Amino acid sequence: MSGDCFDLNGFEYISDTAAHPGRFSRIYATSAAVINTATVAGATGNTFSAVPLAAGAYIDGQFRSITLTSGTVVAYRGDRG
């Protein structure tokens, strides 16, 4: 993540289907995963749900809650700068 512009405050490893509230700036898939739902600050458009992530893929944003359907991810704490 060299050169990325966000404030890192640790991470949360998510491997279940419970809701994980927090302030996350990146979701990184450690195995193929499906994001069931995610609350994204400042998002417009369609609902952020049923989003597949291949192993090794990531998505950046201002996530306030993450719930998986399957797989495992690392959710990096912090906000995009």
PDB file of N, CA and C in Angstrom:
ATOM      1  N   MET A   1       0.815  -1.190   0.000  1.00  0.00           N
ATOM      2  CA  MET A   1       0.000   0.000   0.000  1.00  0.00           C
ATOM      3  C   MET A   1       0.853   1.246   0.000  1.00  0.00           C
ATOM      4  N   SER A   2       2.059   1.122  -0.379  1.00  0.00           N
ATOM      5  CA  SER A   2       2.967   2.251  -0.434  1.00  0.00           C
ATOM      6  C   SER A   2       2.397   3.346  -1.323  1.00  0.00           C
ATOM      7  N   GLY A   3       2.453   4.577  -0.821  1.00  0.00           N
ATOM      8  CA  GLY A   3       1.986   5.706  -1.608  1.00  0.00           C
ATOM      9  C   GLY A   3       0.499   5.986  -1.466  1.00  0.00           C
ATOM     10  N   ASP A   4      -0.237   5.113  -0.778  1.00  0.00           N
ATOM     11  CA  ASP A   4      -1.658   5.358  -0.583  1.00  0.00           C
ATOM     12  C   ASP A   4      -1.843   6.500   0.403  1.00  0.00           C
ATOM     13  N   CYS A   5      -2.934   7.218   0.254  1.00  0.00           N
ATOM     14  CA  CYS A   5      -3.179   8.387   1.089  1.00  0.00           C
ATOM     15  C   CYS A   5      -4.359   8.120   2.012  1.00  0.00           C
ATOM     16  N   PHE A   6      -4.111   7.441   3.110  1.00  0.00           N
ATOM     17  CA  PHE A   6      -5.129   7.323   4.128  1.00  0.00           C
ATOM     18  C   PHE A   6      -4.495   7.038   5.474  1.00  0.00           C
ATOM     19  N   ASP A   7      -5.243   7.342   6.510  1.00  0.00           N
ATOM     20  CA  ASP A   7      -4.769   7.235   7.878  1.00  0.00           C
ATOM     21  C   ASP A   7      -5.022   5.819   8.388  1.00  0.00           C
ATOM     22  N   LEU A   8      -3.945   5.044   8.604  1.00  0.00           N
ATOM     23  CA  LEU A   8      -4.098   3.670   9.076  1.00  0.00           C
ATOM     24  C   LEU A   8      -4.106   3.625  10.599  1.00  0.00           C
ATOM     25  N   ASN A   9      -5.078   2.929  11.118  1.00  0.00           N
ATOM     26  CA  ASN A   9      -5.226   2.754  12.554  1.00  0.00           C
ATOM     27  C   ASN A   9      -5.439   1.284  12.872  1.00  0.00           C
ATOM     28  N   GLY A  10      -4.690   0.418  12.227  1.00  0.00           N
ATOM     29  CA  GLY A  10      -4.859  -1.009  12.442  1.00  0.00           C
ATOM     30  C   GLY A  10      -5.846  -1.599  11.459  1.00  0.00           C
ATOM     31  N   PHE A  11      -6.277  -2.799  11.765  1.00  0.00           N
ATOM     32  CA  PHE A  11      -7.207  -3.480  10.874  1.00  0.00           C
ATOM     33  C   PHE A  11      -8.066  -4.453  11.662  1.00  0.00           C
ATOM     34  N   GLU A  12      -9.111  -4.949  11.005  1.00  0.00           N
ATOM     35  CA  GLU A  12      -9.978  -5.974  11.574  1.00  0.00           C
ATOM     36  C   GLU A  12     -10.050  -7.119  10.569  1.00  0.00           C
ATOM     37  N   TYR A  13      -9.759  -8.322  11.030  1.00  0.00           N
ATOM     38  CA  TYR A  13      -9.865  -9.521  10.199  1.00  0.00           C
ATOM     39  C   TYR A  13     -11.302 -10.017  10.306  1.00  0.00           C
ATOM     40  N   ILE A  14     -11.980 -10.147   9.173  1.00  0.00           N
ATOM     41  CA  ILE A  14     -13.392 -10.544   9.166  1.00  0.00           C
ATOM     42  C   ILE A  14     -13.532 -11.878   8.441  1.00  0.00           C
ATOM     43  N   SER A  15     -14.074 -12.865   9.155  1.00  0.00           N
ATOM     44  CA  SER A  15     -14.235 -14.207   8.566  1.00  0.00           C
ATOM     45  C   SER A  15     -15.605 -14.794   8.885  1.00  0.00           C
ATOM     46  N   ASP A  16     -16.560 -13.933   9.279  1.00  0.00           N
ATOM     47  CA  ASP A  16     -17.895 -14.413   9.618  1.00  0.00           C
ATOM     48  C   ASP A  16     -18.939 -13.579   8.878  1.00  0.00           C
ATOM     49  N   THR A  17     -20.207 -13.835   9.181  1.00  0.00           N
ATOM     50  CA  THR A  17     -21.284 -13.122   8.488  1.00  0.00           C
ATOM     51  C   THR A  17     -21.981 -12.100   9.395  1.00  0.00           C
ATOM     52  N   ALA A  18     -21.347 -11.753  10.514  1.00  0.00           N
ATOM     53  CA  ALA A  18     -21.882 -10.715  11.410  1.00  0.00           C
ATOM     54  C   ALA A  18     -21.552  -9.332  10.849  1.00  0.00           C
ATOM     55  N   ALA A  19     -22.349  -8.345  11.243  1.00  0.00           N
ATOM     56  CA  ALA A  19     -22.063  -6.955  10.869  1.00  0.00           C
ATOM     57  C   ALA A  19     -20.867  -6.465  11.681  1.00  0.00           C
ATOM     58  N   HIS A  20     -19.948  -5.763  11.015  1.00  0.00           N
ATOM     59  CA  HIS A  20     -18.762  -5.209  11.662  1.00  0.00           C
ATOM     60  C   HIS A  20     -18.769  -3.694  11.472  1.00  0.00           C
ATOM     61  N   PRO A  21     -19.287  -2.948  12.479  1.00  0.00           N
ATOM     62  CA  PRO A  21     -19.294  -1.493  12.374  1.00  0.00           C
ATOM     63  C   PRO A  21     -17.902  -0.932  12.657  1.00  0.00           C
ATOM     64  N   GLY A  22     -17.631   0.219  12.100  1.00  0.00           N
ATOM     65  CA  GLY A  22     -16.352   0.884  12.319  1.00  0.00           C
ATOM     66  C   GLY A  22     -16.107   1.918  11.253  1.00  0.00           C
ATOM     67  N   ARG A  23     -14.887   2.398  11.202  1.00  0.00           N
ATOM     68  CA  ARG A  23     -14.468   3.354  10.168  1.00  0.00           C
ATOM     69  C   ARG A  23     -13.330   2.694   9.413  1.00  0.00           C
ATOM     70  N   PHE A  24     -13.636   2.203   8.219  1.00  0.00           N
ATOM     71  CA  PHE A  24     -12.680   1.438   7.429  1.00  0.00           C
ATOM     72  C   PHE A  24     -12.400   2.149   6.108  1.00  0.00           C
ATOM     73  N   SER A  25     -11.152   2.119   5.668  1.00  0.00           N
ATOM     74  CA  SER A  25     -10.768   2.807   4.435  1.00  0.00           C
ATOM     75  C   SER A  25     -10.477   1.842   3.284  1.00  0.00           C
ATOM     76  N   ARG A  26     -10.218   0.582   3.600  1.00  0.00           N
ATOM     77  CA  ARG A  26      -9.931  -0.395   2.544  1.00  0.00           C
ATOM     78  C   ARG A  26     -10.411  -1.767   2.999  1.00  0.00           C
ATOM     79  N   ILE A  27     -10.997  -2.499   2.058  1.00  0.00           N
ATOM     80  CA  ILE A  27     -11.372  -3.889   2.292  1.00  0.00           C
ATOM     81  C   ILE A  27     -10.512  -4.726   1.347  1.00  0.00           C
ATOM     82  N   TYR A  28      -9.685  -5.602   1.929  1.00  0.00           N
ATOM     83  CA  TYR A  28      -8.759  -6.445   1.169  1.00  0.00           C
ATOM     84  C   TYR A  28      -9.168  -7.905   1.349  1.00  0.00           C
ATOM     85  N   ALA A  29      -9.411  -8.608   0.253  1.00  0.00           N
ATOM     86  CA  ALA A  29      -9.844 -10.002   0.314  1.00  0.00           C
ATOM     87  C   ALA A  29      -8.643 -10.930   0.459  1.00  0.00           C
ATOM     88  N   THR A  30      -8.578 -11.644   1.581  1.00  0.00           N
ATOM     89  CA  THR A  30      -7.505 -12.612   1.784  1.00  0.00           C
ATOM     90  C   THR A  30      -7.858 -13.956   1.154  1.00  0.00           C
ATOM     91  N   SER A  31      -9.135 -14.156   0.870  1.00  0.00           N
ATOM     92  CA  SER A  31      -9.629 -15.271   0.064  1.00  0.00           C
ATOM     93  C   SER A  31     -10.807 -14.716  -0.718  1.00  0.00           C
ATOM     94  N   ALA A  32     -11.259 -15.426  -1.728  1.00  0.00           N
ATOM     95  CA  ALA A  32     -12.425 -14.957  -2.487  1.00  0.00           C
ATOM     96  C   ALA A  32     -13.549 -14.661  -1.502  1.00  0.00           C
ATOM     97  N   ALA A  33     -14.166 -13.493  -1.633  1.00  0.00           N
ATOM     98  CA  ALA A  33     -15.185 -13.066  -0.673  1.00  0.00           C
ATOM     99  C   ALA A  33     -16.343 -12.394  -1.401  1.00  0.00           C
ATOM    100  N   VAL A  34     -17.490 -12.377  -0.727  1.00  0.00           N
ATOM    101  CA  VAL A  34     -18.643 -11.623  -1.204  1.00  0.00           C
ATOM    102  C   VAL A  34     -19.090 -10.718  -0.067  1.00  0.00           C
ATOM    103  N   ILE A  35     -19.138  -9.417  -0.351  1.00  0.00           N
ATOM    104  CA  ILE A  35     -19.635  -8.454   0.628  1.00  0.00           C
ATOM    105  C   ILE A  35     -21.152  -8.454   0.519  1.00  0.00           C
ATOM    106  N   ASN A  36     -21.818  -8.892   1.583  1.00  0.00           N
ATOM    107  CA  ASN A  36     -23.277  -8.930   1.588  1.00  0.00           C
ATOM    108  C   ASN A  36     -23.823  -7.515   1.536  1.00  0.00           C
ATOM    109  N   THR A  37     -23.404  -6.677   2.495  1.00  0.00           N
ATOM    110  CA  THR A  37     -23.774  -5.270   2.509  1.00  0.00           C
ATOM    111  C   THR A  37     -22.638  -4.464   3.129  1.00  0.00           C
ATOM    112  N   ALA A  38     -22.576  -3.216   2.759  1.00  0.00           N
ATOM    113  CA  ALA A  38     -21.626  -2.296   3.366  1.00  0.00           C
ATOM    114  C   ALA A  38     -22.266  -0.911   3.374  1.00  0.00           C
ATOM    115  N   THR A  39     -22.105  -0.219   4.481  1.00  0.00           N
ATOM    116  CA  THR A  39     -22.535   1.163   4.575  1.00  0.00           C
ATOM    117  C   THR A  39     -21.335   2.017   4.197  1.00  0.00           C
ATOM    118  N   VAL A  40     -21.533   2.890   3.199  1.00  0.00           N
ATOM    119  CA  VAL A  40     -20.431   3.696   2.677  1.00  0.00           C
ATOM    120  C   VAL A  40     -20.790   5.172   2.824  1.00  0.00           C
ATOM    121  N   ALA A  41     -19.939   5.926   3.533  1.00  0.00           N
ATOM    122  CA  ALA A  41     -20.170   7.359   3.713  1.00  0.00           C
ATOM    123  C   ALA A  41     -20.033   8.072   2.374  1.00  0.00           C
ATOM    124  N   GLY A  42     -20.954   8.954   2.093  1.00  0.00           N
ATOM    125  CA  GLY A  42     -20.886   9.766   0.887  1.00  0.00           C
ATOM    126  C   GLY A  42     -21.210   9.024  -0.402  1.00  0.00           C
ATOM    127  N   ALA A  43     -21.749   7.813  -0.299  1.00  0.00           N
ATOM    128  CA  ALA A  43     -22.056   7.042  -1.506  1.00  0.00           C
ATOM    129  C   ALA A  43     -23.367   7.498  -2.127  1.00  0.00           C
ATOM    130  N   THR A  44     -23.409   7.468  -3.455  1.00  0.00           N
ATOM    131  CA  THR A  44     -24.642   7.734  -4.189  1.00  0.00           C
ATOM    132  C   THR A  44     -24.842   6.596  -5.174  1.00  0.00           C
ATOM    133  N   GLY A  45     -26.042   6.453  -5.668  1.00  0.00           N
ATOM    134  CA  GLY A  45     -26.303   5.411  -6.658  1.00  0.00           C
ATOM    135  C   GLY A  45     -26.924   4.179  -6.040  1.00  0.00           C
ATOM    136  N   ASN A  46     -26.664   3.043  -6.645  1.00  0.00           N
ATOM    137  CA  ASN A  46     -27.269   1.780  -6.226  1.00  0.00           C
ATOM    138  C   ASN A  46     -26.745   1.316  -4.871  1.00  0.00           C
ATOM    139  N   THR A  47     -27.467   0.392  -4.271  1.00  0.00           N
ATOM    140  CA  THR A  47     -27.079  -0.191  -2.991  1.00  0.00           C
ATOM    141  C   THR A  47     -25.780  -0.964  -3.143  1.00  0.00           C
ATOM    142  N   PHE A  48     -24.909  -0.838  -2.169  1.00  0.00           N
ATOM    143  CA  PHE A  48     -23.643  -1.567  -2.152  1.00  0.00           C
ATOM    144  C   PHE A  48     -23.919  -2.920  -1.509  1.00  0.00           C
ATOM    145  N   SER A  49     -24.219  -3.927  -2.344  1.00  0.00           N
ATOM    146  CA  SER A  49     -24.534  -5.253  -1.814  1.00  0.00           C
ATOM    147  C   SER A  49     -24.173  -6.319  -2.834  1.00  0.00           C
ATOM    148  N   ALA A  50     -23.942  -7.534  -2.324  1.00  0.00           N
ATOM    149  CA  ALA A  50     -23.582  -8.694  -3.146  1.00  0.00           C
ATOM    150  C   ALA A  50     -22.387  -8.393  -4.051  1.00  0.00           C
ATOM    151  N   VAL A  51     -21.361  -7.775  -3.471  1.00  0.00           N
ATOM    152  CA  VAL A  51     -20.167  -7.376  -4.229  1.00  0.00           C
ATOM    153  C   VAL A  51     -19.094  -8.452  -4.099  1.00  0.00           C
ATOM    154  N   PRO A  52     -18.737  -9.114  -5.202  1.00  0.00           N
ATOM    155  CA  PRO A  52     -17.683 -10.140  -5.131  1.00  0.00           C
ATOM    156  C   PRO A  52     -16.295  -9.505  -5.171  1.00  0.00           C
ATOM    157  N   LEU A  53     -15.375 -10.084  -4.395  1.00  0.00           N
ATOM    158  CA  LEU A  53     -13.973  -9.678  -4.422  1.00  0.00           C
ATOM    159  C   LEU A  53     -13.130 -10.934  -4.591  1.00  0.00           C
ATOM    160  N   ALA A  54     -12.302 -10.960  -5.612  1.00  0.00           N
ATOM    161  CA  ALA A  54     -11.389 -12.091  -5.812  1.00  0.00           C
ATOM    162  C   ALA A  54     -10.290 -12.025  -4.750  1.00  0.00           C
ATOM    163  N   ALA A  55      -9.709 -13.158  -4.439  1.00  0.00           N
ATOM    164  CA  ALA A  55      -8.588 -13.184  -3.493  1.00  0.00           C
ATOM    165  C   ALA A  55      -7.502 -12.220  -3.971  1.00  0.00           C
ATOM    166  N   GLY A  56      -7.033 -11.360  -3.088  1.00  0.00           N
ATOM    167  CA  GLY A  56      -6.004 -10.383  -3.421  1.00  0.00           C
ATOM    168  C   GLY A  56      -6.544  -9.053  -3.920  1.00  0.00           C
ATOM    169  N   ALA A  57      -7.841  -8.978  -4.187  1.00  0.00           N
ATOM    170  CA  ALA A  57      -8.447  -7.721  -4.654  1.00  0.00           C
ATOM    171  C   ALA A  57      -8.794  -6.835  -3.458  1.00  0.00           C
ATOM    172  N   TYR A  58      -8.912  -5.542  -3.703  1.00  0.00           N
ATOM    173  CA  TYR A  58      -9.324  -4.629  -2.643  1.00  0.00           C
ATOM    174  C   TYR A  58     -10.211  -3.548  -3.216  1.00  0.00           C
ATOM    175  N   ILE A  59     -10.931  -2.913  -2.325  1.00  0.00           N
ATOM    176  CA  ILE A  59     -11.778  -1.788  -2.689  1.00  0.00           C
ATOM    177  C   ILE A  59     -11.604  -0.718  -1.613  1.00  0.00           C
ATOM    178  N   ASP A  60     -11.456   0.524  -2.043  1.00  0.00           N
ATOM    179  CA  ASP A  60     -11.266   1.641  -1.133  1.00  0.00           C
ATOM    180  C   ASP A  60     -12.559   2.434  -1.005  1.00  0.00           C
ATOM    181  N   GLY A  61     -12.746   3.054   0.129  1.00  0.00           N
ATOM    182  CA  GLY A  61     -13.916   3.884   0.369  1.00  0.00           C
ATOM    183  C   GLY A  61     -13.942   4.336   1.808  1.00  0.00           C
ATOM    184  N   GLN A  62     -15.048   4.895   2.216  1.00  0.00           N
ATOM    185  CA  GLN A  62     -15.253   5.297   3.604  1.00  0.00           C
ATOM    186  C   GLN A  62     -16.363   4.423   4.164  1.00  0.00           C
ATOM    187  N   PHE A  63     -15.990   3.214   4.536  1.00  0.00           N
ATOM    188  CA  PHE A  63     -16.940   2.207   4.991  1.00  0.00           C
ATOM    189  C   PHE A  63     -17.244   2.406   6.477  1.00  0.00           C
ATOM    190  N   ARG A  64     -18.524   2.305   6.829  1.00  0.00           N
ATOM    191  CA  ARG A  64     -18.955   2.460   8.220  1.00  0.00           C
ATOM    192  C   ARG A  64     -19.458   1.145   8.807  1.00  0.00           C
ATOM    193  N   SER A  65     -19.725   0.164   7.959  1.00  0.00           N
ATOM    194  CA  SER A  65     -20.134  -1.161   8.407  1.00  0.00           C
ATOM    195  C   SER A  65     -19.914  -2.134   7.249  1.00  0.00           C
ATOM    196  N   ILE A  66     -19.469  -3.348   7.586  1.00  0.00           N
ATOM    197  CA  ILE A  66     -19.210  -4.377   6.576  1.00  0.00           C
ATOM    198  C   ILE A  66     -19.814  -5.683   7.051  1.00  0.00           C
ATOM    199  N   THR A  67     -20.569  -6.336   6.164  1.00  0.00           N
ATOM    200  CA  THR A  67     -21.128  -7.665   6.444  1.00  0.00           C
ATOM    201  C   THR A  67     -20.806  -8.563   5.254  1.00  0.00           C
ATOM    202  N   LEU A  68     -20.173  -9.693   5.507  1.00  0.00           N
ATOM    203  CA  LEU A  68     -19.834 -10.638   4.445  1.00  0.00           C
ATOM    204  C   LEU A  68     -20.916 -11.699   4.271  1.00  0.00           C
ATOM    205  N   THR A  69     -20.995 -12.235   3.063  1.00  0.00           N
ATOM    206  CA  THR A  69     -21.770 -13.438   2.794  1.00  0.00           C
ATOM    207  C   THR A  69     -20.854 -14.646   2.908  1.00  0.00           C
ATOM    208  N   SER A  70     -19.618 -14.481   2.407  1.00  0.00           N
ATOM    209  CA  SER A  70     -18.644 -15.574   2.433  1.00  0.00           C
ATOM    210  C   SER A  70     -17.241 -15.004   2.292  1.00  0.00           C
ATOM    211  N   GLY A  71     -16.252 -15.853   2.564  1.00  0.00           N
ATOM    212  CA  GLY A  71     -14.860 -15.479   2.389  1.00  0.00           C
ATOM    213  C   GLY A  71     -14.266 -14.803   3.607  1.00  0.00           C
ATOM    214  N   THR A  72     -13.065 -14.253   3.407  1.00  0.00           N
ATOM    215  CA  THR A  72     -12.361 -13.555   4.474  1.00  0.00           C
ATOM    216  C   THR A  72     -11.745 -12.278   3.929  1.00  0.00           C
ATOM    217  N   VAL A  73     -11.781 -11.221   4.743  1.00  0.00           N
ATOM    218  CA  VAL A  73     -11.203  -9.945   4.351  1.00  0.00           C
ATOM    219  C   VAL A  73     -10.453  -9.333   5.528  1.00  0.00           C
ATOM    220  N   VAL A  74      -9.570  -8.408   5.197  1.00  0.00           N
ATOM    221  CA  VAL A  74      -8.959  -7.530   6.190  1.00  0.00           C
ATOM    222  C   VAL A  74      -9.529  -6.147   5.910  1.00  0.00           C
ATOM    223  N   ALA A  75     -10.163  -5.569   6.929  1.00  0.00           N
ATOM    224  CA  ALA A  75     -10.729  -4.215   6.810  1.00  0.00           C
ATOM    225  C   ALA A  75      -9.789  -3.268   7.551  1.00  0.00           C
ATOM    226  N   TYR A  76      -9.136  -2.391   6.814  1.00  0.00           N
ATOM    227  CA  TYR A  76      -8.183  -1.450   7.398  1.00  0.00           C
ATOM    228  C   TYR A  76      -8.921  -0.267   8.006  1.00  0.00           C
ATOM    229  N   ARG A  77      -8.649  -0.005   9.290  1.00  0.00           N
ATOM    230  CA  ARG A  77      -9.291   1.100  10.000  1.00  0.00           C
ATOM    231  C   ARG A  77      -8.692   2.431   9.557  1.00  0.00           C
ATOM    232  N   GLY A  78      -9.546   3.436   9.498  1.00  0.00           N
ATOM    233  CA  GLY A  78      -9.105   4.774   9.138  1.00  0.00           C
ATOM    234  C   GLY A  78     -10.004   5.366   8.083  1.00  0.00           C
ATOM    235  N   ASP A  79      -9.720   6.600   7.715  1.00  0.00           N
ATOM    236  CA  ASP A  79     -10.478   7.298   6.688  1.00  0.00           C
ATOM    237  C   ASP A  79      -9.567   7.689   5.551  1.00  0.00           C
ATOM    238  N   ARG A  80     -10.106   7.702   4.365  1.00  0.00           N
ATOM    239  CA  ARG A  80      -9.348   8.154   3.191  1.00  0.00           C
ATOM    240  C   ARG A  80      -9.076   9.636   3.351  1.00  0.00           C
ATOM    241  N   GLY A  81      -7.872  10.036   2.975  1.00  0.00           N
ATOM    242  CA  GLY A  81      -7.509  11.450   3.115  1.00  0.00           C
ATOM    243  C   GLY A  81      -7.514  12.185   1.828  1.00  0.00           C
TER     244      GLY A  81
END
